[in-house]
PDB file of N, CA and C in Angstrom:
ATOM      1  N   ALA A   1     -42.377 168.961   0.829  1.00  0.00           N
ATOM      2  CA  ALA A   1     -43.123 168.876   1.765  1.00  0.00           C
ATOM      3  C   ALA A   1     -43.769 168.654   3.119  1.00  0.00           C
ATOM      4  N   GLY A   2     -43.299 169.962   4.105  1.00  0.00           N
ATOM      5  CA  GLY A   2     -43.194 169.466   5.444  1.00  0.00           C
ATOM      6  C   GLY A   2     -44.309 170.111   6.615  1.00  0.00           C
ATOM      7  N   GLY A   3     -45.479 168.525   6.526  1.00  0.00           N
ATOM      8  CA  GLY A   3     -46.901 168.847   7.060  1.00  0.00           C
ATOM      9  C   GLY A   3     -47.693 169.540   6.002  1.00  0.00           C
ATOM     10  N   VAL A   4     -48.114 171.282   6.259  1.00  0.00           N
ATOM     11  CA  VAL A   4     -48.656 172.121   6.116  1.00  0.00           C
ATOM     12  C   VAL A   4     -48.548 172.684   4.666  1.00  0.00           C
ATOM     13  N   GLY A   5     -47.179 172.309   4.582  1.00  0.00           N
ATOM     14  CA  GLY A   5     -45.989 172.570   3.816  1.00  0.00           C
ATOM     15  C   GLY A   5     -46.351 172.556   2.047  1.00  0.00           C
ATOM     16  N   VAL A   6     -47.310 171.001   2.430  1.00  0.00           N
ATOM     17  CA  VAL A   6     -48.086 170.868   1.725  1.00  0.00           C
ATOM     18  C   VAL A   6     -48.425 171.465   0.038  1.00  0.00           C
ATOM     19  N   THR A   7     -49.373 172.528   1.358  1.00  0.00           N
ATOM     20  CA  THR A   7     -49.895 173.791   0.573  1.00  0.00           C
ATOM     21  C   THR A   7     -49.840 174.402  -0.658  1.00  0.00           C
ATOM     22  N   PRO A   8     -48.634 174.852  -1.182  1.00  0.00           N
ATOM     23  CA  PRO A   8     -48.216 175.114  -1.836  1.00  0.00           C
ATOM     24  C   PRO A   8     -47.740 174.718  -3.195  1.00  0.00           C
ATOM     25  N   PHE A   9     -47.465 173.534  -2.228  1.00  0.00           N
ATOM     26  CA  PHE A   9     -46.908 172.201  -3.796  1.00  0.00           C
ATOM     27  C   PHE A   9     -48.753 172.012  -4.361  1.00  0.00           C
ATOM     28  N   ARG A  10     -49.857 171.841  -3.166  1.00  0.00           N
ATOM     29  CA  ARG A  10     -51.071 171.380  -4.198  1.00  0.00           C
ATOM     30  C   ARG A  10     -51.223 173.129  -5.239  1.00  0.00           C
ATOM     31  N   SER A  11     -51.256 173.407  -5.249  1.00  0.00           N
ATOM     32  CA  SER A  11     -51.846 174.947  -5.782  1.00  0.00           C
ATOM     33  C   SER A  11     -50.898 174.978  -6.687  1.00  0.00           C
ATOM     34  N   MET A  12     -48.905 175.001  -7.035  1.00  0.00           N
ATOM     35  CA  MET A  12     -48.803 174.635  -7.967  1.00  0.00           C
ATOM     36  C   MET A  12     -48.621 174.340  -8.918  1.00  0.00           C
ATOM     37  N   LEU A  13     -49.129 172.273  -8.490  1.00  0.00           N
ATOM     38  CA  LEU A  13     -49.959 171.408  -9.590  1.00  0.00           C
ATOM     39  C   LEU A  13     -51.057 171.181 -10.107  1.00  0.00           C
ATOM     40  N   ARG A  14     -51.709 171.955  -9.292  1.00  0.00           N
ATOM     41  CA  ARG A  14     -53.435 172.671 -10.008  1.00  0.00           C
ATOM     42  C   ARG A  14     -53.269 173.036 -10.990  1.00  0.00           C
ATOM     43  N   ASP A  15     -52.255 174.277 -10.979  1.00  0.00           N
ATOM     44  CA  ASP A  15     -51.957 175.961 -11.361  1.00  0.00           C
ATOM     45  C   ASP A  15     -51.789 174.307 -12.833  1.00  0.00           C
ATOM     46  N   ALA A  16     -50.216 174.241 -12.885  1.00  0.00           N
ATOM     47  CA  ALA A  16     -49.895 173.666 -14.433  1.00  0.00           C
ATOM     48  C   ALA A  16     -50.818 172.218 -14.550  1.00  0.00           C
ATOM     49  N   ARG A  17     -51.549 172.460 -14.077  1.00  0.00           N
ATOM     50  CA  ARG A  17     -52.829 171.359 -14.285  1.00  0.00           C
ATOM     51  C   ARG A  17     -53.430 171.857 -15.329  1.00  0.00           C
ATOM     52  N   SER A  18     -54.397 172.194 -14.585  1.00  0.00           N
ATOM     53  CA  SER A  18     -55.054 173.644 -15.027  1.00  0.00           C
ATOM     54  C   SER A  18     -54.503 174.129 -16.843  1.00  0.00           C
ATOM     55  N   ARG A  19     -53.245 174.797 -16.838  1.00  0.00           N
ATOM     56  CA  ARG A  19     -52.322 175.477 -17.931  1.00  0.00           C
ATOM     57  C   ARG A  19     -52.488 174.290 -18.567  1.00  0.00           C
ATOM     58  N   ASN A  20     -51.968 173.936 -18.239  1.00  0.00           N
ATOM     59  CA  ASN A  20     -51.949 172.244 -19.667  1.00  0.00           C
ATOM     60  C   ASN A  20     -50.704 172.001 -19.298  1.00  0.00           C
ATOM     61  N   LEU A  21     -49.933 171.953 -18.577  1.00  0.00           N
ATOM     62  CA  LEU A  21     -48.092 172.428 -18.177  1.00  0.00           C
ATOM     63  C   LEU A  21     -47.567 170.967 -18.518  1.00  0.00           C
ATOM     64  N   VAL A  22     -46.304 170.553 -18.752  1.00  0.00           N
ATOM     65  CA  VAL A  22     -45.760 169.415 -18.739  1.00  0.00           C
ATOM     66  C   VAL A  22     -44.804 169.045 -18.134  1.00  0.00           C
ATOM     67  N   ILE A  23     -45.294 167.931 -16.943  1.00  0.00           N
ATOM     68  CA  ILE A  23     -43.947 169.267 -15.843  1.00  0.00           C
ATOM     69  C   ILE A  23     -44.115 167.828 -15.246  1.00  0.00           C
ATOM     70  N   SER A  24     -43.003 166.798 -14.980  1.00  0.00           N
ATOM     71  CA  SER A  24     -42.276 165.419 -14.049  1.00  0.00           C
ATOM     72  C   SER A  24     -42.401 166.200 -12.359  1.00  0.00           C
ATOM     73  N   ALA A  25     -43.259 165.430 -11.821  1.00  0.00           N
ATOM     74  CA  ALA A  25     -43.156 165.968 -10.367  1.00  0.00           C
ATOM     75  C   ALA A  25     -43.130 164.988  -9.325  1.00  0.00           C
ATOM     76  N   THR A  26     -42.229 164.986  -8.336  1.00  0.00           N
ATOM     77  CA  THR A  26     -42.233 164.015  -7.401  1.00  0.00           C
ATOM     78  C   THR A  26     -42.227 164.930  -6.205  1.00  0.00           C
ATOM     79  N   LEU A  27     -43.637 164.203  -5.295  1.00  0.00           N
ATOM     80  CA  LEU A  27     -43.526 164.641  -3.791  1.00  0.00           C
ATOM     81  C   LEU A  27     -43.296 164.338  -2.860  1.00  0.00           C
ATOM     82  N   LEU A  28     -43.020 164.167  -2.250  1.00  0.00           N
ATOM     83  CA  LEU A  28     -42.518 163.398  -0.598  1.00  0.00           C
ATOM     84  C   LEU A  28     -43.274 164.736   0.267  1.00  0.00           C
ATOM     85  N   HIS A  29     -43.867 164.398   1.040  1.00  0.00           N
ATOM     86  CA  HIS A  29     -44.723 164.796   2.136  1.00  0.00           C
ATOM     87  C   HIS A  29     -44.057 163.799   3.469  1.00  0.00           C
ATOM     88  N   VAL A  30     -43.695 164.660   4.328  1.00  0.00           N
ATOM     89  CA  VAL A  30     -43.288 164.461   5.392  1.00  0.00           C
ATOM     90  C   VAL A  30     -44.374 165.117   6.999  1.00  0.00           C
ATOM     91  N   ALA A  31     -44.784 164.197   7.386  1.00  0.00           N
ATOM     92  CA  ALA A  31     -46.286 164.792   8.409  1.00  0.00           C
ATOM     93  C   ALA A  31     -45.879 163.702   9.895  1.00  0.00           C
ATOM     94  N   ARG A  32     -46.589 164.237  10.954  1.00  0.00           N
ATOM     95  CA  ARG A  32     -46.952 163.655  12.149  1.00  0.00           C
ATOM     96  C   ARG A  32     -47.494 162.752  11.984  1.00  0.00           C
ATOM     97  N   GLU A  33     -48.889 163.476  11.743  1.00  0.00           N
ATOM     98  CA  GLU A  33     -50.071 162.144  11.307  1.00  0.00           C
ATOM     99  C   GLU A  33     -50.732 162.085  10.109  1.00  0.00           C
ATOM    100  N   GLU A  34     -51.288 163.158   9.897  1.00  0.00           N
ATOM    101  CA  GLU A  34     -51.962 162.830   8.421  1.00  0.00           C
ATOM    102  C   GLU A  34     -52.025 163.861   7.274  1.00  0.00           C
ATOM    103  N   TYR A  35     -51.589 163.634   6.189  1.00  0.00           N
ATOM    104  CA  TYR A  35     -51.629 163.952   5.396  1.00  0.00           C
ATOM    105  C   TYR A  35     -52.878 164.586   3.703  1.00  0.00           C
ATOM    106  N   LEU A  36     -52.829 165.135   4.483  1.00  0.00           N
ATOM    107  CA  LEU A  36     -53.756 166.486   3.321  1.00  0.00           C
ATOM    108  C   LEU A  36     -53.791 166.864   2.111  1.00  0.00           C
ATOM    109  N   TYR A  37     -54.978 166.388   1.523  1.00  0.00           N
ATOM    110  CA  TYR A  37     -54.769 165.948  -0.109  1.00  0.00           C
ATOM    111  C   TYR A  37     -54.738 164.204  -0.167  1.00  0.00           C
ATOM    112  N   THR A  38     -53.597 163.585  -0.258  1.00  0.00           N
ATOM    113  CA  THR A  38     -53.300 162.510  -0.506  1.00  0.00           C
ATOM    114  C   THR A  38     -53.727 161.658  -1.370  1.00  0.00           C
ATOM    115  N   GLU A  39     -54.988 161.848  -2.243  1.00  0.00           N
ATOM    116  CA  GLU A  39     -55.752 161.837  -3.584  1.00  0.00           C
ATOM    117  C   GLU A  39     -56.285 162.537  -3.950  1.00  0.00           C
ATOM    118  N   GLU A  40     -55.866 163.998  -3.970  1.00  0.00           N
ATOM    119  CA  GLU A  40     -55.610 164.439  -4.698  1.00  0.00           C
ATOM    120  C   GLU A  40     -54.061 164.807  -5.365  1.00  0.00           C
ATOM    121  N   LEU A  41     -53.028 164.835  -4.673  1.00  0.00           N
ATOM    122  CA  LEU A  41     -52.261 165.082  -4.725  1.00  0.00           C
ATOM    123  C   LEU A  41     -52.123 163.263  -5.574  1.00  0.00           C
ATOM    124  N   LYS A  42     -52.372 162.397  -5.547  1.00  0.00           N
ATOM    125  CA  LYS A  42     -51.448 161.386  -6.159  1.00  0.00           C
ATOM    126  C   LYS A  42     -52.141 161.601  -7.556  1.00  0.00           C
ATOM    127  N   GLY A  43     -53.023 162.057  -8.032  1.00  0.00           N
ATOM    128  CA  GLY A  43     -53.367 162.521  -8.907  1.00  0.00           C
ATOM    129  C   GLY A  43     -52.750 163.186  -9.904  1.00  0.00           C
ATOM    130  N   LEU A  44     -52.270 164.219  -9.130  1.00  0.00           N
ATOM    131  CA  LEU A  44     -51.098 165.311  -9.946  1.00  0.00           C
ATOM    132  C   LEU A  44     -49.450 165.623 -10.006  1.00  0.00           C
ATOM    133  N   THR A  45     -49.072 164.020  -9.699  1.00  0.00           N
ATOM    134  CA  THR A  45     -47.532 164.258  -9.590  1.00  0.00           C
ATOM    135  C   THR A  45     -47.401 162.314  -9.761  1.00  0.00           C
ATOM    136  N   ASP A  46     -46.517 162.885 -10.560  1.00  0.00           N
ATOM    137  CA  ASP A  46     -46.221 161.086 -10.867  1.00  0.00           C
ATOM    138  C   ASP A  46     -45.740 160.499 -10.459  1.00  0.00           C
ATOM    139  N   GLU A  47     -44.714 160.710  -8.689  1.00  0.00           N
ATOM    140  CA  GLU A  47     -44.736 159.728  -7.959  1.00  0.00           C
ATOM    141  C   GLU A  47     -45.289 160.989  -6.920  1.00  0.00           C
ATOM    142  N   TYR A  48     -45.838 160.216  -5.210  1.00  0.00           N
ATOM    143  CA  TYR A  48     -46.246 161.191  -4.307  1.00  0.00           C
ATOM    144  C   TYR A  48     -45.717 160.017  -3.141  1.00  0.00           C
ATOM    145  N   LEU A  49     -44.510 160.278  -2.135  1.00  0.00           N
ATOM    146  CA  LEU A  49     -44.457 159.809  -1.040  1.00  0.00           C
ATOM    147  C   LEU A  49     -44.557 160.363   0.410  1.00  0.00           C
ATOM    148  N   THR A  50     -45.043 159.610   1.292  1.00  0.00           N
ATOM    149  CA  THR A  50     -45.707 160.250   2.155  1.00  0.00           C
ATOM    150  C   THR A  50     -44.506 159.327   3.509  1.00  0.00           C
ATOM    151  N   ILE A  51     -44.102 159.919   4.123  1.00  0.00           N
ATOM    152  CA  ILE A  51     -42.755 159.891   5.210  1.00  0.00           C
ATOM    153  C   ILE A  51     -43.567 160.076   6.246  1.00  0.00           C
ATOM    154  N   ARG A  52     -43.054 159.557   7.608  1.00  0.00           N
ATOM    155  CA  ARG A  52     -42.626 160.176   9.044  1.00  0.00           C
ATOM    156  C   ARG A  52     -40.973 160.564   9.156  1.00  0.00           C
ATOM    157  N   ARG A  53     -40.554 161.306   9.594  1.00  0.00           N
ATOM    158  CA  ARG A  53     -39.583 162.342  10.046  1.00  0.00           C
ATOM    159  C   ARG A  53     -38.120 161.552  10.121  1.00  0.00           C
ATOM    160  N   PRO A  54     -38.010 159.745  10.765  1.00  0.00           N
ATOM    161  CA  PRO A  54     -37.604 159.448  10.425  1.00  0.00           C
ATOM    162  C   PRO A  54     -37.481 159.027   9.951  1.00  0.00           C
ATOM    163  N   LEU A  55     -37.679 158.832   8.840  1.00  0.00           N
ATOM    164  CA  LEU A  55     -37.023 157.891   7.162  1.00  0.00           C
ATOM    165  C   LEU A  55     -36.616 159.171   5.601  1.00  0.00           C
ATOM    166  N   LEU A  56     -36.760 160.975   6.044  1.00  0.00           N
ATOM    167  CA  LEU A  56     -35.850 162.174   5.858  1.00  0.00           C
ATOM    168  C   LEU A  56     -34.656 161.948   4.571  1.00  0.00           C
ATOM    169  N   VAL A  57     -34.149 161.707   5.811  1.00  0.00           N
ATOM    170  CA  VAL A  57     -32.696 161.752   5.132  1.00  0.00           C
ATOM    171  C   VAL A  57     -32.635 160.370   4.257  1.00  0.00           C
ATOM    172  N   GLU A  58     -32.771 159.250   4.379  1.00  0.00           N
ATOM    173  CA  GLU A  58     -32.683 157.443   3.622  1.00  0.00           C
ATOM    174  C   GLU A  58     -33.619 158.290   2.257  1.00  0.00           C
ATOM    175  N   THR A  59     -34.923 159.046   2.387  1.00  0.00           N
ATOM    176  CA  THR A  59     -35.917 158.817   1.013  1.00  0.00           C
ATOM    177  C   THR A  59     -35.298 160.238   0.522  1.00  0.00           C
ATOM    178  N   LEU A  60     -34.694 161.652   1.280  1.00  0.00           N
ATOM    179  CA  LEU A  60     -34.392 162.330   0.325  1.00  0.00           C
ATOM    180  C   LEU A  60     -33.288 161.320  -0.124  1.00  0.00           C
ATOM    181  N   ALA A  61     -31.915 161.360   0.249  1.00  0.00           N
ATOM    182  CA  ALA A  61     -31.275 160.900  -0.428  1.00  0.00           C
ATOM    183  C   ALA A  61     -31.283 159.715  -1.832  1.00  0.00           C
ATOM    184  N   SER A  62     -32.674 158.567  -1.469  1.00  0.00           N
ATOM    185  CA  SER A  62     -32.341 158.540  -2.711  1.00  0.00           C
ATOM    186  C   SER A  62     -33.405 159.271  -4.057  1.00  0.00           C
ATOM    187  N   VAL A  63     -33.829 159.527  -3.114  1.00  0.00           N
ATOM    188  CA  VAL A  63     -35.256 160.938  -4.712  1.00  0.00           C
ATOM    189  C   VAL A  63     -33.497 161.462  -5.119  1.00  0.00           C
ATOM    190  N   ALA A  64     -32.951 162.304  -3.669  1.00  0.00           N
ATOM    191  CA  ALA A  64     -31.982 163.353  -4.807  1.00  0.00           C
ATOM    192  C   ALA A  64     -30.489 162.000  -6.397  1.00  0.00           C
ATOM    193  N   PHE A  65     -30.701 161.093  -5.429  1.00  0.00           N
ATOM    194  CA  PHE A  65     -30.078 160.026  -6.188  1.00  0.00           C
ATOM    195  C   PHE A  65     -31.177 160.366  -7.985  1.00  0.00           C
ATOM    196  N   ALA A  66     -31.374 159.385  -7.814  1.00  0.00           N
ATOM    197  CA  ALA A  66     -33.181 159.504  -8.817  1.00  0.00           C
ATOM    198  C   ALA A  66     -32.886 161.328 -10.147  1.00  0.00           C
ATOM    199  N   HIS A  67     -32.637 161.996  -8.998  1.00  0.00           N
ATOM    200  CA  HIS A  67     -33.475 162.688  -9.289  1.00  0.00           C
ATOM    201  C   HIS A  67     -32.531 164.175  -9.588  1.00  0.00           C
ATOM    202  N   PRO A  68     -31.004 163.900  -9.240  1.00  0.00           N
ATOM    203  CA  PRO A  68     -30.005 164.894  -9.449  1.00  0.00           C
ATOM    204  C   PRO A  68     -29.814 165.490 -10.188  1.00  0.00           C
ATOM    205  N   ASP A  69     -30.440 166.094 -11.162  1.00  0.00           N
ATOM    206  CA  ASP A  69     -30.259 167.143 -11.319  1.00  0.00           C
ATOM    207  C   ASP A  69     -31.777 168.076 -11.667  1.00  0.00           C
ATOM    208  N   ALA A  70     -32.607 167.373 -11.119  1.00  0.00           N
ATOM    209  CA  ALA A  70     -33.856 168.495 -10.698  1.00  0.00           C
ATOM    210  C   ALA A  70     -34.696 169.369  -9.988  1.00  0.00           C
ATOM    211  N   HIS A  71     -35.083 170.021 -10.136  1.00  0.00           N
ATOM    212  CA  HIS A  71     -35.396 171.505  -9.339  1.00  0.00           C
ATOM    213  C   HIS A  71     -35.888 171.047  -7.869  1.00  0.00           C
ATOM    214  N   TYR A  72     -35.531 170.891  -7.199  1.00  0.00           N
ATOM    215  CA  TYR A  72     -36.405 171.163  -5.727  1.00  0.00           C
ATOM    216  C   TYR A  72     -36.722 172.468  -5.339  1.00  0.00           C
ATOM    217  N   TYR A  73     -38.658 172.244  -4.382  1.00  0.00           N
ATOM    218  CA  TYR A  73     -38.963 173.644  -3.602  1.00  0.00           C
ATOM    219  C   TYR A  73     -38.658 172.617  -2.621  1.00  0.00           C
ATOM    220  N   ILE A  74     -38.783 173.404  -1.399  1.00  0.00           N
ATOM    221  CA  ILE A  74     -39.281 173.520  -0.012  1.00  0.00           C
ATOM    222  C   ILE A  74     -39.964 174.333   0.937  1.00  0.00           C
ATOM    223  N   ALA A  75     -41.667 173.692   1.151  1.00  0.00           N
ATOM    224  CA  ALA A  75     -41.822 174.800   2.368  1.00  0.00           C
ATOM    225  C   ALA A  75     -41.923 173.254   3.562  1.00  0.00           C
ATOM    226  N   GLY A  76     -41.621 174.623   4.492  1.00  0.00           N
ATOM    227  CA  GLY A  76     -41.934 173.976   5.923  1.00  0.00           C
ATOM    228  C   GLY A  76     -42.016 174.405   7.284  1.00  0.00           C
ATOM    229  N   SER A  77     -41.333 173.422   8.407  1.00  0.00           N
ATOM    230  CA  SER A  77     -41.133 174.847   9.132  1.00  0.00           C
ATOM    231  C   SER A  77     -39.580 175.440   8.485  1.00  0.00           C
ATOM    232  N   ALA A  78     -38.611 176.130   9.480  1.00  0.00           N
ATOM    233  CA  ALA A  78     -38.246 176.400   8.957  1.00  0.00           C
ATOM    234  C   ALA A  78     -36.834 175.786   9.796  1.00  0.00           C
ATOM    235  N   ASN A  79     -36.834 175.084  10.759  1.00  0.00           N
ATOM    236  CA  ASN A  79     -36.111 173.448  10.917  1.00  0.00           C
ATOM    237  C   ASN A  79     -35.984 172.279   9.842  1.00  0.00           C
ATOM    238  N   PHE A  80     -36.886 172.551   9.497  1.00  0.00           N
ATOM    239  CA  PHE A  80     -37.696 171.398   7.662  1.00  0.00           C
ATOM    240  C   PHE A  80     -36.917 171.754   7.032  1.00  0.00           C
ATOM    241  N   VAL A  81     -37.000 173.427   6.540  1.00  0.00           N
ATOM    242  CA  VAL A  81     -37.019 173.891   4.921  1.00  0.00           C
ATOM    243  C   VAL A  81     -35.238 172.976   5.233  1.00  0.00           C
ATOM    244  N   GLU A  82     -34.307 174.024   6.712  1.00  0.00           N
ATOM    245  CA  GLU A  82     -32.628 173.850   6.614  1.00  0.00           C
ATOM    246  C   GLU A  82     -32.071 172.687   6.437  1.00  0.00           C
ATOM    247  N   THR A  83     -32.895 172.001   7.555  1.00  0.00           N
ATOM    248  CA  THR A  83     -32.880 170.299   7.542  1.00  0.00           C
ATOM    249  C   THR A  83     -32.764 169.942   5.605  1.00  0.00           C
ATOM    250  N   VAL A  84     -33.272 170.118   5.090  1.00  0.00           N
ATOM    251  CA  VAL A  84     -33.526 169.301   3.243  1.00  0.00           C
ATOM    252  C   VAL A  84     -32.977 170.092   2.503  1.00  0.00           C
ATOM    253  N   ALA A  85     -32.303 171.428   2.558  1.00  0.00           N
ATOM    254  CA  ALA A  85     -31.705 172.250   1.888  1.00  0.00           C
ATOM    255  C   ALA A  85     -30.769 171.452   2.721  1.00  0.00           C
ATOM    256  N   SER A  86     -29.959 171.360   3.592  1.00  0.00           N
ATOM    257  CA  SER A  86     -29.437 170.669   4.150  1.00  0.00           C
ATOM    258  C   SER A  86     -28.297 169.170   3.336  1.00  0.00           C
ATOM    259  N   GLU A  87     -29.302 168.759   3.689  1.00  0.00           N
ATOM    260  CA  GLU A  87     -29.380 167.172   3.750  1.00  0.00           C
ATOM    261  C   GLU A  87     -29.083 167.465   1.312  1.00  0.00           C
ATOM    262  N   LEU A  88     -30.204 168.115   1.153  1.00  0.00           N
ATOM    263  CA  LEU A  88     -29.780 168.442  -0.263  1.00  0.00           C
ATOM    264  C   LEU A  88     -28.635 168.606  -1.725  1.00  0.00           C
ATOM    265  N   SER A  89     -28.170 169.598  -0.471  1.00  0.00           N
ATOM    266  CA  SER A  89     -26.462 170.050  -1.011  1.00  0.00           C
ATOM    267  C   SER A  89     -26.047 169.457  -0.519  1.00  0.00           C
ATOM    268  N   ASN A  90     -25.776 168.792   0.564  1.00  0.00           N
ATOM    269  CA  ASN A  90     -25.028 167.193   0.276  1.00  0.00           C
ATOM    270  C   ASN A  90     -24.481 166.469  -0.269  1.00  0.00           C
ATOM    271  N   ARG A  91     -25.337 166.037  -1.056  1.00  0.00           N
ATOM    272  CA  ARG A  91     -26.448 165.315  -2.140  1.00  0.00           C
ATOM    273  C   ARG A  91     -25.441 165.478  -3.298  1.00  0.00           C
ATOM    274  N   GLY A  92     -25.700 167.065  -3.391  1.00  0.00           N
ATOM    275  CA  GLY A  92     -25.086 168.051  -4.763  1.00  0.00           C
ATOM    276  C   GLY A  92     -25.864 168.141  -5.787  1.00  0.00           C
ATOM    277  N   VAL A  93     -27.040 168.614  -4.483  1.00  0.00           N
ATOM    278  CA  VAL A  93     -28.253 168.989  -5.838  1.00  0.00           C
ATOM    279  C   VAL A  93     -28.085 170.820  -5.498  1.00  0.00           C
ATOM    280  N   SER A  94     -28.212 171.440  -6.973  1.00  0.00           N
ATOM    281  CA  SER A  94     -27.993 172.800  -6.118  1.00  0.00           C
ATOM    282  C   SER A  94     -29.032 173.746  -6.962  1.00  0.00           C
ATOM    283  N   LYS A  95     -30.087 172.771  -7.456  1.00  0.00           N
ATOM    284  CA  LYS A  95     -31.988 173.691  -7.895  1.00  0.00           C
ATOM    285  C   LYS A  95     -31.982 173.407  -7.200  1.00  0.00           C
ATOM    286  N   VAL A  96     -32.509 174.951  -5.840  1.00  0.00           N
ATOM    287  CA  VAL A  96     -33.018 174.456  -4.790  1.00  0.00           C
ATOM    288  C   VAL A  96     -34.060 175.505  -4.059  1.00  0.00           C
ATOM    289  N   GLU A  97     -35.260 176.278  -3.829  1.00  0.00           N
ATOM    290  CA  GLU A  97     -35.833 176.858  -3.479  1.00  0.00           C
ATOM    291  C   GLU A  97     -36.462 176.595  -1.467  1.00  0.00           C
ATOM    292  N   SER A  98     -36.902 177.057  -1.379  1.00  0.00           N
ATOM    293  CA  SER A  98     -37.382 177.138   0.141  1.00  0.00           C
ATOM    294  C   SER A  98     -38.032 178.632   0.130  1.00  0.00           C
ATOM    295  N   ASP A  99     -39.428 178.224   1.073  1.00  0.00           N
ATOM    296  CA  ASP A  99     -40.127 178.766   1.345  1.00  0.00           C
ATOM    297  C   ASP A  99     -40.446 178.059   2.832  1.00  0.00           C
ATOM    298  N   GLU A 100     -40.198 179.145   3.623  1.00  0.00           N
ATOM    299  CA  GLU A 100     -40.809 178.592   5.598  1.00  0.00           C
ATOM    300  C   GLU A 100     -42.390 179.222   5.754  1.00  0.00           C
ATOM    301  N   PHE A 101     -42.813 177.399   5.747  1.00  0.00           N
ATOM    302  CA  PHE A 101     -44.490 177.781   5.557  1.00  0.00           C
ATOM    303  C   PHE A 101     -44.801 177.077   7.289  1.00  0.00           C
ATOM    304  N   LYS A 102     -45.108 178.522   7.325  1.00  0.00           N
ATOM    305  CA  LYS A 102     -46.013 177.613   9.472  1.00  0.00           C
ATOM    306  C   LYS A 102     -47.647 177.475   9.980  1.00  0.00           C
ATOM    307  N   GLY A 103     -48.174 177.693   8.450  1.00  0.00           N
ATOM    308  CA  GLY A 103     -49.434 177.504   8.658  1.00  0.00           C
ATOM    309  C   GLY A 103     -50.384 177.895   9.844  1.00  0.00           C
ATOM    310  N   LEU A 104     -50.845 176.898  10.773  1.00  0.00           N
ATOM    311  CA  LEU A 104     -51.531 178.122  11.877  1.00  0.00           C
ATOM    312  C   LEU A 104     -50.457 178.203  12.788  1.00  0.00           C
ATOM    313  N   ILE A 105     -49.143 177.650  13.148  1.00  0.00           N
ATOM    314  CA  ILE A 105     -48.335 178.124  14.678  1.00  0.00           C
ATOM    315  C   ILE A 105     -47.600 179.172  14.750  1.00  0.00           C
ATOM    316  N   GLU A 106     -47.637 179.848  15.178  1.00  0.00           N
ATOM    317  CA  GLU A 106     -46.728 181.197  15.045  1.00  0.00           C
ATOM    318  C   GLU A 106     -45.578 180.730  16.078  1.00  0.00           C
ATOM    319  N   GLU A 107     -43.934 180.506  16.193  1.00  0.00           N
ATOM    320  CA  GLU A 107     -42.675 180.179  16.085  1.00  0.00           C
ATOM    321  C   GLU A 107     -42.153 181.713  16.913  1.00  0.00           C
TER     322      GLU A 107
END
């Protein structure tokens, strides 16, 4: 999740919990300043990672190595989505869906 792109993840995770779905979820949240919903998301995921943009490629490599067959969902700015999708593809990850989530900023 890139910045406010974490919002759809929060909704999906809350829905899974309310329906008692058993899922394994690792959430990688990349932000410049603050991480929205941190405490709530820690309780909804198996692993919640908060990083700054300079650590994105390195952290994605680690997550992709640990979970190569997982289903990945990317939400954030167009540039963020493109970068993450490319990095995952470079690491052989094929189950990827994405959504540009612009938040309050119009491009």
